Amino acid sequence: MTVIPLAVAAVVLTAATASWLLRHLAGRDPGYLWLLCCGLGSSALVNLAVKQPLAHTVASAGGVEAEVGPAAPLWFLVFALLLPPVAEEAVKAAPALLPAVRARARRSWLLTGIALGTGYGIGEAGFVAGVMAVSGDHAGTPWWHFSFFAAERVVASFGHGVMTALVLRGFFADRPRRLLGCLAAVALHGLLNLGPFLNQVVDVPPVLLALGLPAGVVVPALVFAHLLRQGGTGVVRAEADRVWRPDWALAPGPDTARPPDPGPPDPRPRDPGPPDPRPRES
């Protein structure tokens, strides 16, 4: 057995969960589900056509081996740490340049980012599993030994979605803040990659490495909750009448607060007050 069975399970679980999340947030608008397909081949593309050739070119120019290890110079380690976040965040957000996807992103940068990034993560799970299977290094390993790999791929896929949402948040922000979304996504990506990366250079205690999975759940979840509070869904459902309205019509804010609810009418008769002591004119 190989890594393939659990890789397939991870892909199916991620696709099903992402589809449910997008349907829950977007309701009767199925257009965001199709965006999951945009990034399925992006992982293979960026790894084979961008990251590997660029790493070898830079290493050759610097006269060093294109490998991350204790013997690698500091400048190459910094380059190798930043290369995946920068290259992957760029390729994940690239479909937003297409007019149809851009229109979706203008309506909801959060849902578009989640769909594009999670689709990339699904494709990355398949690509990594394929590389592992073809290499033959794990040919005799029982399939259940890849449980951590499958769990990590599910978590990483949704992390990719949150990072791409950060990038798109910057795209549609005011001009002075457009770069902040990209920088935030690259920083978050590099932070989540830091543990496995350092383990290639020094011996990181297994206890610290084990914290990578819960950190990969908690940190993107907090970022997602923050983005959701910013109204990134674009549309929300009014539970009372199931009518779709823009966020500003339902979510109070400093400039768009809803008027207070008058509540149900008072069934009690109105008090006419004390009688008027003045004589009435005939």
C-alpha atoms as a PDB file:
ATOM      1  CA  MET A   1       0.000   0.000   0.000  1.00  0.00           C
ATOM      2  CA  THR A   2       1.058   3.623  -0.546  1.00  0.00           C
ATOM      3  CA  VAL A   3       0.034   7.117   0.461  1.00  0.00           C
ATOM      4  CA  ILE A   4      -2.674   7.197  -2.218  1.00  0.00           C
ATOM      5  CA  PRO A   5      -5.669   5.893  -0.157  1.00  0.00           C
ATOM      6  CA  LEU A   6      -5.360   8.510   2.573  1.00  0.00           C
ATOM      7  CA  ALA A   7      -4.467  11.198   0.038  1.00  0.00           C
ATOM      8  CA  VAL A   8      -7.738  10.467  -1.772  1.00  0.00           C
ATOM      9  CA  ALA A   9      -9.586  10.591   1.556  1.00  0.00           C
ATOM     10  CA  ALA A  10      -7.990  13.951   2.363  1.00  0.00           C
ATOM     11  CA  VAL A  11      -8.952  15.349  -1.038  1.00  0.00           C
ATOM     12  CA  VAL A  12     -12.549  14.152  -0.770  1.00  0.00           C
ATOM     13  CA  LEU A  13     -12.918  15.431   2.806  1.00  0.00           C
ATOM     14  CA  THR A  14     -11.444  18.818   1.944  1.00  0.00           C
ATOM     15  CA  ALA A  15     -13.587  19.229  -1.170  1.00  0.00           C
ATOM     16  CA  ALA A  16     -16.764  18.251   0.680  1.00  0.00           C
ATOM     17  CA  THR A  17     -16.063  20.527   3.642  1.00  0.00           C
ATOM     18  CA  ALA A  18     -15.092  23.465   1.433  1.00  0.00           C
ATOM     19  CA  SER A  19     -18.231  22.991  -0.667  1.00  0.00           C
ATOM     20  CA  TRP A  20     -20.385  22.992   2.448  1.00  0.00           C
ATOM     21  CA  LEU A  21     -18.676  26.116   3.809  1.00  0.00           C
ATOM     22  CA  LEU A  22     -19.078  28.030   0.568  1.00  0.00           C
ATOM     23  CA  ARG A  23     -22.709  26.974   0.242  1.00  0.00           C
ATOM     24  CA  HIS A  24     -23.342  27.966   3.851  1.00  0.00           C
ATOM     25  CA  LEU A  25     -21.835  31.426   3.385  1.00  0.00           C
ATOM     26  CA  ALA A  26     -23.041  32.076  -0.158  1.00  0.00           C
ATOM     27  CA  GLY A  27     -26.408  30.328   0.082  1.00  0.00           C
ATOM     28  CA  ARG A  28     -28.177  29.984  -3.232  1.00  0.00           C
ATOM     29  CA  ASP A  29     -25.225  31.324  -5.227  1.00  0.00           C
ATOM     30  CA  PRO A  30     -23.276  28.260  -6.474  1.00  0.00           C
ATOM     31  CA  GLY A  31     -20.751  30.276  -8.473  1.00  0.00           C
ATOM     32  CA  TYR A  32     -18.076  30.119  -5.776  1.00  0.00           C
ATOM     33  CA  LEU A  33     -18.066  26.316  -5.867  1.00  0.00           C
ATOM     34  CA  TRP A  34     -16.707  26.392  -9.421  1.00  0.00           C
ATOM     35  CA  LEU A  35     -13.766  28.513  -8.275  1.00  0.00           C
ATOM     36  CA  LEU A  36     -12.468  25.478  -6.368  1.00  0.00           C
ATOM     37  CA  CYS A  37     -11.440  24.055  -9.738  1.00  0.00           C
ATOM     38  CA  CYS A  38      -9.302  27.062 -10.713  1.00  0.00           C
ATOM     39  CA  GLY A  39      -6.345  26.127  -8.545  1.00  0.00           C
ATOM     40  CA  LEU A  40      -6.278  22.349  -8.857  1.00  0.00           C
ATOM     41  CA  GLY A  41      -3.254  22.317 -11.162  1.00  0.00           C
ATOM     42  CA  SER A  42      -1.521  25.379  -9.751  1.00  0.00           C
ATOM     43  CA  SER A  43       0.587  23.487  -7.210  1.00  0.00           C
ATOM     44  CA  ALA A  44       2.231  21.303  -9.845  1.00  0.00           C
ATOM     45  CA  LEU A  45       2.706  24.347 -12.055  1.00  0.00           C
ATOM     46  CA  VAL A  46       4.367  26.545  -9.431  1.00  0.00           C
ATOM     47  CA  ASN A  47       6.573  23.730  -8.108  1.00  0.00           C
ATOM     48  CA  LEU A  48       7.795  22.428 -11.451  1.00  0.00           C
ATOM     49  CA  ALA A  49       7.899  25.663 -13.456  1.00  0.00           C
ATOM     50  CA  VAL A  50       8.727  28.318 -10.845  1.00  0.00           C
ATOM     51  CA  LYS A  51      10.096  27.195  -7.493  1.00  0.00           C
ATOM     52  CA  GLN A  52      12.467  24.428  -8.576  1.00  0.00           C
ATOM     53  CA  PRO A  53      14.014  26.264 -11.557  1.00  0.00           C
ATOM     54  CA  LEU A  54      14.335  29.504  -9.588  1.00  0.00           C
ATOM     55  CA  ALA A  55      15.930  27.760  -6.594  1.00  0.00           C
ATOM     56  CA  HIS A  56      18.488  26.050  -8.834  1.00  0.00           C
ATOM     57  CA  THR A  57      19.222  29.270 -10.715  1.00  0.00           C
ATOM     58  CA  VAL A  58      19.800  31.267  -7.522  1.00  0.00           C
ATOM     59  CA  ALA A  59      21.870  28.486  -5.936  1.00  0.00           C
ATOM     60  CA  SER A  60      23.997  28.154  -9.069  1.00  0.00           C
ATOM     61  CA  ALA A  61      24.555  31.906  -9.182  1.00  0.00           C
ATOM     62  CA  GLY A  62      25.634  31.859  -5.551  1.00  0.00           C
ATOM     63  CA  GLY A  63      27.852  28.827  -5.925  1.00  0.00           C
ATOM     64  CA  VAL A  64      25.954  26.694  -3.417  1.00  0.00           C
ATOM     65  CA  GLU A  65      23.842  23.541  -3.525  1.00  0.00           C
ATOM     66  CA  ALA A  66      20.112  24.002  -4.023  1.00  0.00           C
ATOM     67  CA  GLU A  67      19.365  22.169  -0.770  1.00  0.00           C
ATOM     68  CA  VAL A  68      18.126  23.292   2.631  1.00  0.00           C
ATOM     69  CA  GLY A  69      20.410  21.880   5.313  1.00  0.00           C
ATOM     70  CA  PRO A  70      22.926  22.691   8.023  1.00  0.00           C
ATOM     71  CA  ALA A  71      25.618  23.441   5.429  1.00  0.00           C
ATOM     72  CA  ALA A  72      23.524  25.979   3.494  1.00  0.00           C
ATOM     73  CA  PRO A  73      24.534  29.648   3.935  1.00  0.00           C
ATOM     74  CA  LEU A  74      22.192  31.996   5.767  1.00  0.00           C
ATOM     75  CA  TRP A  75      21.283  34.012   2.698  1.00  0.00           C
ATOM     76  CA  PHE A  76      20.124  30.909   0.849  1.00  0.00           C
ATOM     77  CA  LEU A  77      18.130  29.726   3.872  1.00  0.00           C
ATOM     78  CA  VAL A  78      16.287  33.053   3.964  1.00  0.00           C
ATOM     79  CA  PHE A  79      15.652  32.812   0.225  1.00  0.00           C
ATOM     80  CA  ALA A  80      14.401  29.220   0.531  1.00  0.00           C
ATOM     81  CA  LEU A  81      12.080  30.175   3.399  1.00  0.00           C
ATOM     82  CA  LEU A  82      10.509  33.073   1.486  1.00  0.00           C
ATOM     83  CA  LEU A  83      10.321  31.423  -1.948  1.00  0.00           C
ATOM     84  CA  PRO A  84       7.286  29.164  -1.319  1.00  0.00           C
ATOM     85  CA  PRO A  85       5.095  31.833   0.335  1.00  0.00           C
ATOM     86  CA  VAL A  86       5.813  34.481  -2.302  1.00  0.00           C
ATOM     87  CA  ALA A  87       5.474  32.176  -5.317  1.00  0.00           C
ATOM     88  CA  GLU A  88       2.457  30.267  -4.039  1.00  0.00           C
ATOM     89  CA  GLU A  89       0.490  33.311  -2.886  1.00  0.00           C
ATOM     90  CA  ALA A  90       1.019  34.889  -6.294  1.00  0.00           C
ATOM     91  CA  VAL A  91      -0.135  31.842  -8.252  1.00  0.00           C
ATOM     92  CA  LYS A  92      -3.126  31.229  -5.969  1.00  0.00           C
ATOM     93  CA  ALA A  93      -4.451  34.754  -6.441  1.00  0.00           C
ATOM     94  CA  ALA A  94      -3.636  34.909 -10.165  1.00  0.00           C
ATOM     95  CA  PRO A  95      -7.114  33.700 -11.320  1.00  0.00           C
ATOM     96  CA  ALA A  96      -8.572  36.863  -9.756  1.00  0.00           C
ATOM     97  CA  LEU A  97      -7.066  38.738 -12.708  1.00  0.00           C
ATOM     98  CA  LEU A  98      -9.608  37.063 -15.003  1.00  0.00           C
ATOM     99  CA  PRO A  99     -12.679  39.282 -15.490  1.00  0.00           C
ATOM    100  CA  ALA A 100     -15.225  36.683 -14.355  1.00  0.00           C
ATOM    101  CA  VAL A 101     -13.275  35.769 -11.234  1.00  0.00           C
ATOM    102  CA  ARG A 102     -12.508  39.408 -10.526  1.00  0.00           C
ATOM    103  CA  ALA A 103     -16.221  40.193 -10.602  1.00  0.00           C
ATOM    104  CA  ARG A 104     -16.770  37.448  -8.039  1.00  0.00           C
ATOM    105  CA  ALA A 105     -13.944  38.800  -5.908  1.00  0.00           C
ATOM    106  CA  ARG A 106     -15.407  42.305  -5.981  1.00  0.00           C
ATOM    107  CA  ARG A 107     -18.640  40.899  -4.641  1.00  0.00           C
ATOM    108  CA  SER A 108     -16.944  38.723  -1.997  1.00  0.00           C
ATOM    109  CA  TRP A 109     -13.169  38.704  -1.711  1.00  0.00           C
ATOM    110  CA  LEU A 110     -13.450  36.304   1.250  1.00  0.00           C
ATOM    111  CA  LEU A 111     -15.437  33.587  -0.532  1.00  0.00           C
ATOM    112  CA  THR A 112     -13.348  33.967  -3.677  1.00  0.00           C
ATOM    113  CA  GLY A 113     -10.116  33.682  -1.711  1.00  0.00           C
ATOM    114  CA  ILE A 114     -11.331  30.672   0.254  1.00  0.00           C
ATOM    115  CA  ALA A 115     -12.389  28.910  -2.957  1.00  0.00           C
ATOM    116  CA  LEU A 116      -9.189  29.677  -4.898  1.00  0.00           C
ATOM    117  CA  GLY A 117      -6.837  28.862  -2.022  1.00  0.00           C
ATOM    118  CA  THR A 118      -8.615  25.700  -0.934  1.00  0.00           C
ATOM    119  CA  GLY A 119      -8.711  24.484  -4.526  1.00  0.00           C
ATOM    120  CA  TYR A 120      -4.959  25.033  -4.653  1.00  0.00           C
ATOM    121  CA  GLY A 121      -4.583  23.020  -1.434  1.00  0.00           C
ATOM    122  CA  ILE A 122      -6.600  20.141  -2.872  1.00  0.00           C
ATOM    123  CA  GLY A 123      -4.377  20.068  -5.934  1.00  0.00           C
ATOM    124  CA  GLU A 124      -1.283  20.300  -3.727  1.00  0.00           C
ATOM    125  CA  ALA A 125      -2.396  17.246  -1.735  1.00  0.00           C
ATOM    126  CA  GLY A 126      -2.694  15.258  -4.948  1.00  0.00           C
ATOM    127  CA  PHE A 127       0.610  16.540  -6.288  1.00  0.00           C
ATOM    128  CA  VAL A 128       2.577  15.781  -3.096  1.00  0.00           C
ATOM    129  CA  ALA A 129       0.985  12.350  -2.789  1.00  0.00           C
ATOM    130  CA  GLY A 130       1.862  11.614  -6.406  1.00  0.00           C
ATOM    131  CA  VAL A 131       5.496  12.624  -5.883  1.00  0.00           C
ATOM    132  CA  MET A 132       5.696  10.418  -2.774  1.00  0.00           C
ATOM    133  CA  ALA A 133       4.153   7.463  -4.586  1.00  0.00           C
ATOM    134  CA  VAL A 134       6.385   7.783  -7.652  1.00  0.00           C
ATOM    135  CA  SER A 135       9.559   8.114  -5.588  1.00  0.00           C
ATOM    136  CA  GLY A 136       9.060   4.651  -4.118  1.00  0.00           C
ATOM    137  CA  ASP A 137      10.569   5.713  -0.783  1.00  0.00           C
ATOM    138  CA  HIS A 138       7.397   4.709   1.046  1.00  0.00           C
ATOM    139  CA  ALA A 139       6.504   1.601  -0.959  1.00  0.00           C
ATOM    140  CA  GLY A 140       6.583  -0.741   2.038  1.00  0.00           C
ATOM    141  CA  THR A 141       4.909   1.639   4.512  1.00  0.00           C
ATOM    142  CA  PRO A 142       1.390   0.638   5.654  1.00  0.00           C
ATOM    143  CA  TRP A 143      -1.252   3.082   4.486  1.00  0.00           C
ATOM    144  CA  TRP A 144      -2.355   4.041   7.999  1.00  0.00           C
ATOM    145  CA  HIS A 145       1.086   5.500   8.688  1.00  0.00           C
ATOM    146  CA  PHE A 146       0.092   8.388   6.442  1.00  0.00           C
ATOM    147  CA  SER A 147      -2.720   9.531   8.758  1.00  0.00           C
ATOM    148  CA  PHE A 148      -0.767  12.596   9.880  1.00  0.00           C
ATOM    149  CA  PHE A 149      -0.031  13.471   6.253  1.00  0.00           C
ATOM    150  CA  ALA A 150      -3.737  13.316   5.397  1.00  0.00           C
ATOM    151  CA  ALA A 151      -4.731  15.451   8.397  1.00  0.00           C
ATOM    152  CA  GLU A 152      -1.993  17.974   7.630  1.00  0.00           C
ATOM    153  CA  ARG A 153      -3.147  18.229   4.004  1.00  0.00           C
ATOM    154  CA  VAL A 154      -6.731  18.987   5.064  1.00  0.00           C
ATOM    155  CA  VAL A 155      -5.557  21.665   7.486  1.00  0.00           C
ATOM    156  CA  ALA A 156      -3.094  23.132   4.979  1.00  0.00           C
ATOM    157  CA  SER A 157      -5.779  23.377   2.298  1.00  0.00           C
ATOM    158  CA  PHE A 158      -7.988  25.612   4.415  1.00  0.00           C
ATOM    159  CA  GLY A 159      -4.933  27.566   5.509  1.00  0.00           C
ATOM    160  CA  HIS A 160      -4.230  28.251   1.835  1.00  0.00           C
ATOM    161  CA  GLY A 161      -7.783  29.527   1.484  1.00  0.00           C
ATOM    162  CA  VAL A 162      -7.385  31.992   4.350  1.00  0.00           C
ATOM    163  CA  MET A 163      -4.058  33.245   2.983  1.00  0.00           C
ATOM    164  CA  THR A 164      -5.523  33.837  -0.473  1.00  0.00           C
ATOM    165  CA  ALA A 165      -8.432  35.703   1.127  1.00  0.00           C
ATOM    166  CA  LEU A 166      -5.859  37.973   2.791  1.00  0.00           C
ATOM    167  CA  VAL A 167      -4.269  38.681  -0.590  1.00  0.00           C
ATOM    168  CA  LEU A 168      -7.607  39.527  -2.192  1.00  0.00           C
ATOM    169  CA  ARG A 169      -8.543  41.660   0.812  1.00  0.00           C
ATOM    170  CA  GLY A 170      -5.521  43.754  -0.008  1.00  0.00           C
ATOM    171  CA  PHE A 171      -6.398  43.893  -3.711  1.00  0.00           C
ATOM    172  CA  PHE A 172      -9.748  45.491  -2.979  1.00  0.00           C
ATOM    173  CA  ALA A 173      -8.635  47.754  -0.134  1.00  0.00           C
ATOM    174  CA  ASP A 174      -7.612  51.396  -0.389  1.00  0.00           C
ATOM    175  CA  ARG A 175      -4.458  51.962  -2.414  1.00  0.00           C
ATOM    176  CA  PRO A 176      -2.128  52.586   0.574  1.00  0.00           C
ATOM    177  CA  ARG A 177      -3.179  49.237   2.082  1.00  0.00           C
ATOM    178  CA  ARG A 178      -3.127  47.030  -1.020  1.00  0.00           C
ATOM    179  CA  LEU A 179       0.318  45.645  -0.287  1.00  0.00           C
ATOM    180  CA  LEU A 180      -0.566  44.821   3.318  1.00  0.00           C
ATOM    181  CA  GLY A 181      -2.777  41.899   2.310  1.00  0.00           C
ATOM    182  CA  CYS A 182       0.037  40.275   0.334  1.00  0.00           C
ATOM    183  CA  LEU A 183       2.550  40.871   3.116  1.00  0.00           C
ATOM    184  CA  ALA A 184       0.175  39.444   5.718  1.00  0.00           C
ATOM    185  CA  ALA A 185      -0.429  36.316   3.624  1.00  0.00           C
ATOM    186  CA  VAL A 186       3.302  35.792   3.009  1.00  0.00           C
ATOM    187  CA  ALA A 187       4.059  36.299   6.711  1.00  0.00           C
ATOM    188  CA  LEU A 188       1.352  33.839   7.796  1.00  0.00           C
ATOM    189  CA  HIS A 189       2.502  31.296   5.197  1.00  0.00           C
ATOM    190  CA  GLY A 190       6.119  31.599   6.286  1.00  0.00           C
ATOM    191  CA  LEU A 191       5.180  31.293   9.949  1.00  0.00           C
ATOM    192  CA  LEU A 192       3.269  28.055   9.366  1.00  0.00           C
ATOM    193  CA  ASN A 193       6.159  26.667   7.299  1.00  0.00           C
ATOM    194  CA  LEU A 194       8.780  27.624   9.866  1.00  0.00           C
ATOM    195  CA  GLY A 195       8.714  24.440  11.977  1.00  0.00           C
ATOM    196  CA  PRO A 196       9.247  21.897   9.164  1.00  0.00           C
ATOM    197  CA  PHE A 197      11.752  24.251   7.530  1.00  0.00           C
ATOM    198  CA  LEU A 198      13.888  24.585  10.676  1.00  0.00           C
ATOM    199  CA  ASN A 199      13.763  20.816  11.140  1.00  0.00           C
ATOM    200  CA  GLN A 200      15.788  20.485   7.929  1.00  0.00           C
ATOM    201  CA  VAL A 201      18.498  22.727   9.380  1.00  0.00           C
ATOM    202  CA  VAL A 202      18.602  21.745  13.059  1.00  0.00           C
ATOM    203  CA  ASP A 203      17.052  18.983  15.132  1.00  0.00           C
ATOM    204  CA  VAL A 204      13.740  20.425  16.325  1.00  0.00           C
ATOM    205  CA  PRO A 205      12.245  18.527  19.299  1.00  0.00           C
ATOM    206  CA  PRO A 206       9.310  16.328  18.206  1.00  0.00           C
ATOM    207  CA  VAL A 207       7.074  18.019  20.784  1.00  0.00           C
ATOM    208  CA  LEU A 208       7.536  21.367  19.057  1.00  0.00           C
ATOM    209  CA  LEU A 209       6.997  19.842  15.627  1.00  0.00           C
ATOM    210  CA  ALA A 210       3.761  18.286  16.851  1.00  0.00           C
ATOM    211  CA  LEU A 211       2.463  21.772  17.674  1.00  0.00           C
ATOM    212  CA  GLY A 212       2.506  22.624  13.988  1.00  0.00           C
ATOM    213  CA  LEU A 213      -0.805  20.892  13.246  1.00  0.00           C
ATOM    214  CA  PRO A 214      -2.879  22.596  15.980  1.00  0.00           C
ATOM    215  CA  ALA A 215      -1.195  25.897  15.139  1.00  0.00           C
ATOM    216  CA  GLY A 216      -2.186  25.355  11.512  1.00  0.00           C
ATOM    217  CA  VAL A 217      -5.797  25.046  12.677  1.00  0.00           C
ATOM    218  CA  VAL A 218      -6.004  27.790  15.296  1.00  0.00           C
ATOM    219  CA  VAL A 219      -4.093  30.617  13.602  1.00  0.00           C
ATOM    220  CA  PRO A 220      -5.918  30.482  10.223  1.00  0.00           C
ATOM    221  CA  ALA A 221      -9.234  30.034  12.058  1.00  0.00           C
ATOM    222  CA  LEU A 222      -8.633  33.238  14.013  1.00  0.00           C
ATOM    223  CA  VAL A 223      -7.686  35.087  10.842  1.00  0.00           C
ATOM    224  CA  PHE A 224     -10.788  33.728   9.081  1.00  0.00           C
ATOM    225  CA  ALA A 225     -13.021  34.875  11.946  1.00  0.00           C
ATOM    226  CA  HIS A 226     -11.471  38.339  11.733  1.00  0.00           C
ATOM    227  CA  LEU A 227     -12.032  38.526   7.977  1.00  0.00           C
ATOM    228  CA  LEU A 228     -15.593  37.297   8.379  1.00  0.00           C
ATOM    229  CA  ARG A 229     -16.309  40.099  10.850  1.00  0.00           C
ATOM    230  CA  GLN A 230     -15.093  42.559   8.237  1.00  0.00           C
ATOM    231  CA  GLY A 231     -17.998  41.579   6.004  1.00  0.00           C
ATOM    232  CA  GLY A 232     -15.972  39.732   3.401  1.00  0.00           C
ATOM    233  CA  THR A 233     -18.870  37.439   2.427  1.00  0.00           C
ATOM    234  CA  GLY A 234     -20.571  40.291   0.614  1.00  0.00           C
ATOM    235  CA  VAL A 235     -24.023  38.764   1.152  1.00  0.00           C
ATOM    236  CA  VAL A 236     -25.625  37.265   4.225  1.00  0.00           C
ATOM    237  CA  ARG A 237     -28.943  35.556   4.821  1.00  0.00           C
ATOM    238  CA  ALA A 238     -31.803  37.132   6.693  1.00  0.00           C
ATOM    239  CA  GLU A 239     -33.074  34.158   8.668  1.00  0.00           C
ATOM    240  CA  ALA A 240     -36.538  35.593   9.181  1.00  0.00           C
ATOM    241  CA  ASP A 241     -37.515  35.857   5.526  1.00  0.00           C
ATOM    242  CA  ARG A 242     -34.540  34.111   3.819  1.00  0.00           C
ATOM    243  CA  VAL A 243     -34.060  37.195   1.642  1.00  0.00           C
ATOM    244  CA  TRP A 244     -30.557  38.027   0.524  1.00  0.00           C
ATOM    245  CA  ARG A 245     -29.330  41.512   1.348  1.00  0.00           C
ATOM    246  CA  PRO A 246     -25.923  43.174   1.347  1.00  0.00           C
ATOM    247  CA  ASP A 247     -23.952  43.165   4.557  1.00  0.00           C
ATOM    248  CA  TRP A 248     -24.470  46.842   5.182  1.00  0.00           C
ATOM    249  CA  ALA A 249     -28.240  46.256   5.318  1.00  0.00           C
ATOM    250  CA  LEU A 250     -27.965  43.738   8.128  1.00  0.00           C
ATOM    251  CA  ALA A 251     -24.684  44.192   9.946  1.00  0.00           C
ATOM    252  CA  PRO A 252     -24.585  47.380  12.056  1.00  0.00           C
ATOM    253  CA  GLY A 253     -21.461  49.456  11.731  1.00  0.00           C
ATOM    254  CA  PRO A 254     -20.276  52.944  12.605  1.00  0.00           C
ATOM    255  CA  ASP A 255     -21.760  54.441   9.440  1.00  0.00           C
ATOM    256  CA  THR A 256     -24.545  51.987   8.572  1.00  0.00           C
ATOM    257  CA  ALA A 257     -26.223  51.105  11.858  1.00  0.00           C
ATOM    258  CA  ARG A 258     -29.759  49.775  11.586  1.00  0.00           C
ATOM    259  CA  PRO A 259     -32.572  51.756  13.263  1.00  0.00           C
ATOM    260  CA  PRO A 260     -33.771  50.215  16.521  1.00  0.00           C
ATOM    261  CA  ASP A 261     -36.449  47.553  16.260  1.00  0.00           C
ATOM    262  CA  PRO A 262     -39.760  49.069  17.449  1.00  0.00           C
ATOM    263  CA  GLY A 263     -40.944  45.631  18.547  1.00  0.00           C
ATOM    264  CA  PRO A 264     -44.523  44.291  18.435  1.00  0.00           C
ATOM    265  CA  PRO A 265     -47.424  46.765  18.818  1.00  0.00           C
ATOM    266  CA  ASP A 266     -48.674  47.396  22.357  1.00  0.00           C
ATOM    267  CA  PRO A 267     -52.152  45.765  22.716  1.00  0.00           C
ATOM    268  CA  ARG A 268     -53.067  47.973  25.685  1.00  0.00           C
ATOM    269  CA  PRO A 269     -55.380  50.946  24.993  1.00  0.00           C
ATOM    270  CA  ARG A 270     -53.733  54.296  25.033  1.00  0.00           C
ATOM    271  CA  ASP A 271     -54.325  56.491  28.099  1.00  0.00           C
ATOM    272  CA  PRO A 272     -56.295  59.597  26.960  1.00  0.00           C
ATOM    273  CA  GLY A 273     -54.839  61.532  29.908  1.00  0.00           C
ATOM    274  CA  PRO A 274     -56.702  63.825  32.361  1.00  0.00           C
ATOM    275  CA  PRO A 275     -59.821  65.694  31.134  1.00  0.00           C
ATOM    276  CA  ASP A 276     -59.365  69.260  29.882  1.00  0.00           C
ATOM    277  CA  PRO A 277     -60.770  71.629  32.588  1.00  0.00           C
ATOM    278  CA  ARG A 278     -61.353  74.435  30.096  1.00  0.00           C
ATOM    279  CA  PRO A 279     -64.991  74.918  29.023  1.00  0.00           C
ATOM    280  CA  ARG A 280     -65.735  73.915  25.503  1.00  0.00           C
ATOM    281  CA  GLU A 281     -67.031  76.586  23.147  1.00  0.00           C
ATOM    282  CA  SER A 282     -70.548  76.037  21.830  1.00  0.00           C
END
